[in-house]
């Protein structure tokens, strides 16, 4: 059975048994929409499916930093923060892709705590809309900062001068999405497994800023997705930050950026070298071609640039020994591409306008040489 197929308490028990789980994760939302929860032993979970369970109502009486409110009446020191009845919602069953086969279920308070339970309030609003002949649909879109920090480092810095994941402004950057593609795909794939489909994920203007648009759905499901996204997104972000922080030997800085930079430089300098070679060949073989732009340095300039490019290539292999393997990997990839072109690609060419122009000029040059004989 798949998590999205779970609809009843019997279904929930069945999927837990099929997976042989000894513990299940459950959670509900506090007054700030923050997910609070725990692991439940299988026996306790099955019992809660049938008769509910108790959850300390302090989660309805404190803020995001667990500081108690001093102006509430439902719960507090005057009530001794008792357990309030709650129920497991079978149809909210979700996969936790980062917890190795573990299942997660949302819960909600039942009377009397449902009067101020955020999910309970929304449920009543939805029912009110339905009684008027409407079915509300909505979605959430988040813009958030990603920092290259750990839980300890942000506190050491007093939450100031934090290092963003990427520097400077670059909204809708295709390049940054490619550089961090592994993280982007991890986010999209993980949330897809959790039934939180992301319609759009991209950089926003600002250092380390991302924007995620979640697919629309019915109001209650949309609220569940939005609130879960904050929690699961924080877990994924923390995993990335910790991976970056500890990926180098000293744990001071990551080699990821340097590796990607060296691979990009390798591709660029190979491109420059080929450009210089093509320039020289065209100048020698087609000296009379009409050119919209003439290099003031001519063939000597191309030779000098080619030599500098070759020096850069040598530097990539000799000086940066730490990145030799990734450069060799890029070289192998290039070689495979060239081999494919030589065997298959060149037989199925579709000429670009530039290539058509070059062929026409080549024919004109041939005719010119013939006329001069």
Protein backbone atom coordinates (compact mmCIF):
# COMPACT_ATOMS: atom_id res chain seq x y z
CA UNK A 1 0.00 0.00 0.00
CA UNK A 2 1.15 3.53 -0.80
CA UNK A 3 0.81 6.43 1.69
CA UNK A 4 -1.55 8.33 -0.63
CA UNK A 5 -3.92 5.32 -0.60
CA UNK A 6 -4.47 5.48 3.15
CA UNK A 7 -7.97 6.72 4.02
CA UNK A 8 -9.13 4.91 7.16
CA UNK A 9 -7.66 3.77 10.50
CA UNK A 10 -7.63 0.23 9.08
CA UNK A 11 -5.59 1.43 6.11
CA UNK A 12 -3.14 3.18 8.43
CA UNK A 13 -2.65 0.02 10.49
CA UNK A 14 -2.23 -2.04 7.31
CA UNK A 15 0.54 0.11 5.81
CA UNK A 16 2.43 0.20 9.12
CA UNK A 17 2.25 -3.59 9.36
CA UNK A 18 3.26 -4.04 5.71
CA UNK A 19 6.41 -2.04 6.34
CA UNK A 20 7.16 -3.77 9.61
CA UNK A 21 7.51 -0.45 11.40
CA UNK A 22 8.14 -0.45 15.13
CA UNK A 23 7.62 3.30 15.42
CA UNK A 24 5.61 5.93 13.55
CA UNK A 25 6.08 9.69 13.58
CA UNK A 26 3.09 11.92 14.38
CA UNK A 27 2.70 15.67 14.74
CA UNK A 28 0.25 18.54 15.05
CA UNK A 29 0.48 22.31 14.69
CA UNK A 30 0.84 24.78 17.54
CA UNK A 31 -0.58 28.30 17.68
CA UNK A 32 2.16 29.59 15.34
CA UNK A 33 1.63 26.85 12.77
CA UNK A 34 4.83 25.12 13.87
CA UNK A 35 4.81 21.35 13.72
CA UNK A 36 5.17 19.66 17.10
CA UNK A 37 5.31 15.89 17.38
CA UNK A 38 6.97 12.69 18.47
CA UNK A 39 7.63 9.06 17.63
CA UNK A 40 4.95 6.57 18.67
CA UNK A 41 5.49 2.88 19.24
CA UNK A 42 3.39 0.75 16.90
CA UNK A 43 1.12 -0.49 19.72
CA UNK A 44 0.50 3.05 20.94
CA UNK A 45 -0.15 4.21 17.36
CA UNK A 46 -2.74 1.49 16.74
CA UNK A 47 -4.45 2.33 20.01
CA UNK A 48 -4.48 6.05 19.14
CA UNK A 49 -6.04 5.29 15.74
CA UNK A 50 -9.01 3.73 17.51
CA UNK A 51 -9.41 5.91 20.60
CA UNK A 52 -7.22 8.96 20.21
CA UNK A 53 -4.38 10.01 22.51
CA UNK A 54 -3.38 12.85 24.81
CA UNK A 55 -1.07 15.72 23.84
CA UNK A 56 0.06 18.35 26.31
CA UNK A 57 -1.92 21.49 25.57
CA UNK A 58 1.12 23.66 26.32
CA UNK A 59 1.64 23.75 22.53
CA UNK A 60 -1.44 25.99 22.44
CA UNK A 61 0.03 28.30 25.04
CA UNK A 62 3.61 29.11 24.05
CA UNK A 63 5.49 30.80 21.22
CA UNK A 64 8.05 29.54 18.70
CA UNK A 65 10.79 29.69 21.35
CA UNK A 66 8.75 27.71 23.92
CA UNK A 67 8.12 30.88 25.94
CA UNK A 68 4.75 30.69 27.68
CA UNK A 69 2.09 33.28 26.89
CA UNK A 70 1.06 35.35 29.89
CA UNK A 71 -2.35 36.46 28.64
CA UNK A 72 -4.21 33.25 27.74
CA UNK A 73 -7.09 31.50 29.44
CA UNK A 74 -7.40 28.09 27.76
CA UNK A 75 -4.13 26.75 29.16
CA UNK A 76 -1.41 27.96 31.51
CA UNK A 77 -0.11 27.57 35.02
CA UNK A 78 -3.69 27.97 36.24
CA UNK A 79 -4.63 24.73 34.44
CA UNK A 80 -1.29 22.94 35.01
CA UNK A 81 -0.91 22.31 31.27
CA UNK A 82 -2.87 19.03 31.09
CA UNK A 83 -3.06 16.66 28.17
CA UNK A 84 -5.75 17.51 25.65
CA UNK A 85 -7.45 14.82 23.53
CA UNK A 86 -6.22 14.53 19.94
CA UNK A 87 -6.75 12.20 17.02
CA UNK A 88 -4.59 10.82 14.21
CA UNK A 89 -5.76 11.77 10.70
CA UNK A 90 -5.23 8.62 8.55
CA UNK A 91 -5.51 10.38 5.16
CA UNK A 92 -2.52 12.60 5.98
CA UNK A 93 -0.11 9.63 5.83
CA UNK A 94 3.13 10.68 4.22
CA UNK A 95 6.52 9.23 3.38
CA UNK A 96 9.56 10.66 5.18
CA UNK A 97 12.21 10.21 2.46
CA UNK A 98 15.04 11.29 4.76
CA UNK A 99 14.10 8.80 7.51
CA UNK A 100 14.46 5.47 5.73
CA UNK A 101 10.95 4.11 5.19
CA UNK A 102 9.40 5.93 8.16
CA UNK A 103 5.78 7.11 7.92
CA UNK A 104 4.36 10.37 9.22
CA UNK A 105 0.77 11.21 10.18
CA UNK A 106 -0.72 14.58 11.03
CA UNK A 107 -2.93 14.90 14.06
CA UNK A 108 -5.40 17.48 15.36
CA UNK A 109 -6.93 18.33 18.70
CA UNK A 110 -10.49 17.21 19.35
CA UNK A 111 -13.05 18.99 21.59
CA UNK A 112 -12.59 21.12 23.56
CA UNK A 113 -9.09 22.10 22.34
CA UNK A 114 -10.24 22.12 18.71
CA UNK A 115 -11.83 25.53 19.37
CA UNK A 116 -8.38 27.17 19.20
CA UNK A 117 -6.42 24.48 17.35
CA UNK A 118 -5.29 26.17 14.06
CA UNK A 119 -6.27 23.18 11.95
CA UNK A 120 -9.60 22.93 13.72
CA UNK A 121 -10.33 26.61 13.08
CA UNK A 122 -9.56 26.17 9.38
CA UNK A 123 -11.73 23.04 9.20
CA UNK A 124 -14.71 24.98 10.50
CA UNK A 125 -14.08 27.77 7.98
CA UNK A 126 -14.00 25.23 5.16
CA UNK A 127 -17.25 23.66 6.34
CA UNK A 128 -18.82 27.11 6.51
CA UNK A 129 -17.77 27.79 2.90
CA UNK A 130 -19.17 24.44 1.78
CA UNK A 131 -22.49 25.22 3.46
CA UNK A 132 -22.62 28.29 1.21
CA UNK A 133 -21.96 26.21 -1.89
CA UNK A 134 -18.22 26.86 -2.21
CA UNK A 135 -15.18 24.58 -2.19
CA UNK A 136 -12.11 26.67 -1.28
CA UNK A 137 -8.83 25.97 -3.06
CA UNK A 138 -5.55 27.70 -2.34
CA UNK A 139 -1.80 27.28 -2.15
CA UNK A 140 1.33 28.69 -0.52
CA UNK A 141 4.42 30.33 -1.95
CA UNK A 142 7.52 30.80 0.17
CA UNK A 143 10.50 33.10 -0.23
CA UNK A 144 13.30 32.22 2.15
CA UNK A 145 17.02 32.65 2.80
CA UNK A 146 19.51 29.79 2.72
CA UNK A 147 22.64 30.25 4.82
CA UNK A 148 25.87 28.29 4.91
CA UNK A 149 25.68 27.95 8.68
CA UNK A 150 24.98 25.38 11.37
CA UNK A 151 22.67 25.63 14.42
CA UNK A 152 25.74 26.37 16.53
CA UNK A 153 27.35 28.91 14.21
CA UNK A 154 24.22 31.07 13.91
CA UNK A 155 24.04 31.33 17.68
CA UNK A 156 27.74 32.11 17.98
CA UNK A 157 27.19 34.98 15.53
CA UNK A 158 24.10 36.20 17.33
CA UNK A 159 22.11 35.63 14.12
CA UNK A 160 24.08 38.41 12.41
CA UNK A 161 26.53 38.50 9.52
CA UNK A 162 25.42 35.07 8.35
CA UNK A 163 27.01 33.68 5.20
CA UNK A 164 24.37 33.22 2.45
CA UNK A 165 24.38 30.11 0.28
CA UNK A 166 25.11 32.29 -2.75
CA UNK A 167 26.37 35.91 -2.79
CA UNK A 168 24.73 38.93 -4.39
CA UNK A 169 21.46 39.34 -6.27
CA UNK A 170 20.45 37.01 -9.09
CA UNK A 171 16.74 36.33 -9.44
CA UNK A 172 15.69 33.42 -11.67
CA UNK A 173 19.31 32.37 -12.11
CA UNK A 174 19.66 29.34 -14.35
CA UNK A 175 23.38 29.12 -13.58
CA UNK A 176 22.98 29.00 -9.80
CA UNK A 177 20.22 26.42 -10.11
CA UNK A 178 22.66 24.29 -12.15
CA UNK A 179 25.54 24.78 -9.71
CA UNK A 180 23.26 23.70 -6.85
CA UNK A 181 21.25 21.25 -8.98
CA UNK A 182 21.83 18.36 -6.60
CA UNK A 183 20.22 20.34 -3.79
CA UNK A 184 17.37 21.59 -6.00
CA UNK A 185 16.52 18.07 -7.16
CA UNK A 186 16.77 16.75 -3.61
CA UNK A 187 14.23 19.36 -2.53
CA UNK A 188 11.82 18.69 -5.42
CA UNK A 189 12.09 14.90 -5.23
CA UNK A 190 11.78 14.76 -1.44
CA UNK A 191 8.69 16.94 -1.36
CA UNK A 192 7.16 14.99 -4.22
CA UNK A 193 7.52 11.85 -2.10
CA UNK A 194 5.82 13.69 0.76
CA UNK A 195 2.89 14.69 -1.49
CA UNK A 196 3.92 18.33 -1.41
CA UNK A 197 4.38 19.01 -5.14
CA UNK A 198 6.50 22.05 -5.99
CA UNK A 199 5.29 23.86 -9.10
CA UNK A 200 8.24 26.24 -9.24
CA UNK A 201 11.61 26.53 -7.50
CA UNK A 202 14.09 29.27 -8.35
CA UNK A 203 16.40 31.93 -6.95
CA UNK A 204 14.89 35.23 -5.93
CA UNK A 205 16.62 38.59 -5.85
CA UNK A 206 18.81 38.65 -2.78
CA UNK A 207 21.83 36.76 -1.39
CA UNK A 208 20.90 33.12 -0.87
CA UNK A 209 17.19 33.73 -1.48
CA UNK A 210 15.00 31.01 -2.98
CA UNK A 211 11.33 30.91 -3.87
CA UNK A 212 9.17 27.78 -3.84
CA UNK A 213 5.60 27.65 -5.13
CA UNK A 214 3.57 24.68 -3.90
CA UNK A 215 0.89 23.14 -6.10
CA UNK A 216 -2.67 24.22 -5.28
CA UNK A 217 -5.22 21.95 -3.63
CA UNK A 218 -8.23 22.08 -1.31
CA UNK A 219 -7.81 24.55 1.54
CA UNK A 220 -7.11 22.05 4.32
CA UNK A 221 -4.65 20.05 2.22
CA UNK A 222 -2.97 23.28 1.09
CA UNK A 223 -2.55 24.36 4.71
CA UNK A 224 -1.07 20.97 5.62
CA UNK A 225 1.35 21.19 2.69
CA UNK A 226 2.38 24.74 3.52
CA UNK A 227 3.03 24.07 7.19
CA UNK A 228 4.83 20.78 6.48
CA UNK A 229 6.99 22.48 3.86
CA UNK A 230 8.42 24.78 6.51
CA UNK A 231 9.43 21.89 8.75
CA UNK A 232 10.67 19.48 6.07
CA UNK A 233 12.36 22.35 4.21
CA UNK A 234 14.22 23.30 7.36
CA UNK A 235 15.43 19.71 7.72
CA UNK A 236 16.65 19.59 4.12
CA UNK A 237 18.29 22.98 4.45
CA UNK A 238 20.04 21.90 7.63
CA UNK A 239 21.28 18.73 5.92
CA UNK A 240 22.73 20.79 3.05
CA UNK A 241 24.33 23.30 5.40
CA UNK A 242 25.92 20.56 7.50
CA UNK A 243 27.13 18.77 4.37
CA UNK A 244 28.75 21.96 3.08
CA UNK A 245 30.28 22.76 6.44
CA UNK A 246 31.89 19.36 6.95
CA UNK A 247 32.73 18.46 3.36
CA UNK A 248 36.32 19.69 3.67
CA UNK A 249 39.02 18.17 5.85
CA UNK A 250 39.09 21.10 8.29
CA UNK A 251 35.35 21.67 8.32
CA UNK A 252 36.01 25.32 7.54
CA UNK A 253 34.93 25.64 3.94
CA UNK A 254 33.49 23.49 1.23
CA UNK A 255 35.36 22.26 -1.84
CA UNK A 256 32.12 22.01 -3.81
CA UNK A 257 32.34 25.52 -5.23
CA UNK A 258 35.99 25.12 -6.17
CA UNK A 259 35.34 21.78 -7.90
CA UNK A 260 32.46 23.20 -9.94
CA UNK A 261 34.50 26.29 -10.78
CA UNK A 262 37.40 24.18 -12.07
CA UNK A 263 35.05 22.08 -14.21
CA UNK A 264 33.49 25.24 -15.64
CA UNK A 265 36.90 26.79 -16.33
CA UNK A 266 38.04 23.62 -18.06
CA UNK A 267 35.05 23.72 -20.41
CA UNK A 268 35.55 27.43 -21.06
CA UNK A 269 39.24 27.24 -21.90
CA UNK A 270 38.66 24.28 -24.23
CA UNK A 271 36.05 26.41 -25.97
CA UNK A 272 38.48 29.34 -26.22
CA UNK A 273 41.18 27.10 -27.67
CA UNK A 274 38.82 25.76 -30.33
CA UNK A 275 37.72 29.30 -31.16
CA UNK A 276 41.29 30.41 -31.73
CA UNK A 277 41.99 27.34 -33.89
CA UNK A 278 38.87 28.04 -35.99
CA UNK A 279 39.82 31.69 -36.36
CA UNK A 280 43.26 30.81 -37.70
CA UNK A 281 41.88 28.19 -40.09
CA UNK A 282 39.30 30.61 -41.48
CA UNK A 283 41.92 33.33 -41.96
CA UNK A 284 44.18 30.93 -43.84
CA UNK A 285 41.59 29.04 -45.89
CA UNK A 286 39.12 31.87 -46.55
CA UNK A 287 41.10 35.11 -46.55
CA UNK A 288 38.63 36.93 -48.84
CA UNK A 289 35.47 36.20 -46.85
CA UNK A 290 33.41 39.27 -45.94
CA UNK A 291 33.66 39.74 -42.17
CA UNK A 292 31.46 42.10 -40.11
CA UNK A 293 34.28 42.44 -37.59
CA UNK A 294 38.04 42.28 -38.05
CA UNK A 295 40.32 41.54 -35.13
CA UNK A 296 43.03 44.23 -34.86
CA UNK A 297 45.50 41.56 -33.72
CA UNK A 298 44.85 39.01 -36.49
CA UNK A 299 46.52 35.62 -36.50
CA UNK A 300 49.32 36.64 -34.06
CA UNK A 301 46.68 37.65 -31.52
CA UNK A 302 44.88 34.34 -31.94
CA UNK A 303 48.15 32.41 -31.51
CA UNK A 304 48.99 34.37 -28.34
CA UNK A 305 45.49 33.78 -26.91
CA UNK A 306 45.69 30.09 -27.78
CA UNK A 307 49.01 29.78 -25.94
CA UNK A 308 47.56 31.48 -22.87
CA UNK A 309 44.59 29.12 -23.02
CA UNK A 310 46.89 26.10 -23.21
CA UNK A 311 48.80 27.43 -20.20
CA UNK A 312 45.53 27.63 -18.27
CA UNK A 313 44.75 24.03 -19.19
CA UNK A 314 48.13 22.90 -17.93
CA UNK A 315 47.58 24.85 -14.73
CA UNK A 316 44.31 23.01 -14.12
CA UNK A 317 46.12 19.68 -14.22
CA UNK A 318 49.41 20.55 -12.50
CA UNK A 319 48.77 23.25 -9.91
CA UNK A 320 45.29 22.28 -8.75
CA UNK A 321 46.08 18.63 -8.06
CA UNK A 322 43.03 18.32 -5.79
CA UNK A 323 40.72 18.73 -8.78
CA UNK A 324 42.54 16.63 -11.37
CA UNK A 325 39.94 13.85 -11.21
CA UNK A 326 36.98 16.11 -11.95
CA UNK A 327 38.85 17.77 -14.82
CA UNK A 328 39.71 14.35 -16.22
CA UNK A 329 36.04 13.41 -15.85
CA UNK A 330 35.03 16.49 -17.86
CA UNK A 331 37.65 15.60 -20.48
CA UNK A 332 36.24 12.08 -20.81
CA UNK A 333 32.75 13.54 -21.22
CA UNK A 334 34.02 15.82 -24.00
CA UNK A 335 35.76 12.88 -25.66
CA UNK A 336 32.55 10.84 -25.63
CA UNK A 337 30.70 13.76 -27.19
CA UNK A 338 33.29 14.10 -29.95
CA UNK A 339 33.16 10.36 -30.62
CA UNK A 340 29.35 10.47 -30.86
CA UNK A 341 29.55 13.36 -33.30
CA UNK A 342 32.16 11.61 -35.42
CA UNK A 343 30.19 8.37 -35.66
CA UNK A 344 26.54 9.53 -35.63
CA UNK A 345 25.99 13.24 -35.18
CA UNK A 346 27.79 14.54 -38.26
CA UNK A 347 25.59 12.37 -40.49
CA UNK A 348 22.43 14.11 -39.24
CA UNK A 349 23.45 17.74 -39.25
CA UNK A 350 21.02 20.63 -39.40
CA UNK A 351 23.00 23.67 -40.50
CA UNK A 352 22.70 26.87 -38.54
CA UNK A 353 22.43 30.24 -40.37
CA UNK A 354 26.10 30.85 -39.62
CA UNK A 355 27.09 27.53 -41.18
CA UNK A 356 24.95 28.20 -44.27
CA UNK A 357 26.66 31.57 -44.61
CA UNK A 358 30.11 30.01 -44.25
CA UNK A 359 29.37 27.44 -46.97
CA UNK A 360 28.09 30.11 -49.36
CA UNK A 361 31.17 32.22 -48.78
CA UNK A 362 33.37 29.18 -49.20
CA UNK A 363 31.88 28.57 -52.63
CA UNK A 364 32.38 32.24 -53.53
CA UNK A 365 36.00 32.00 -52.43
CA UNK A 366 36.50 28.90 -54.56
CA UNK A 367 35.04 30.67 -57.57
CA UNK A 368 37.24 33.70 -56.94
CA UNK A 369 40.38 31.58 -56.87
CA UNK A 370 39.34 29.85 -60.05
CA UNK A 371 38.87 33.22 -61.78
CA UNK A 372 42.36 34.33 -60.82
CA UNK A 373 44.04 31.37 -62.49
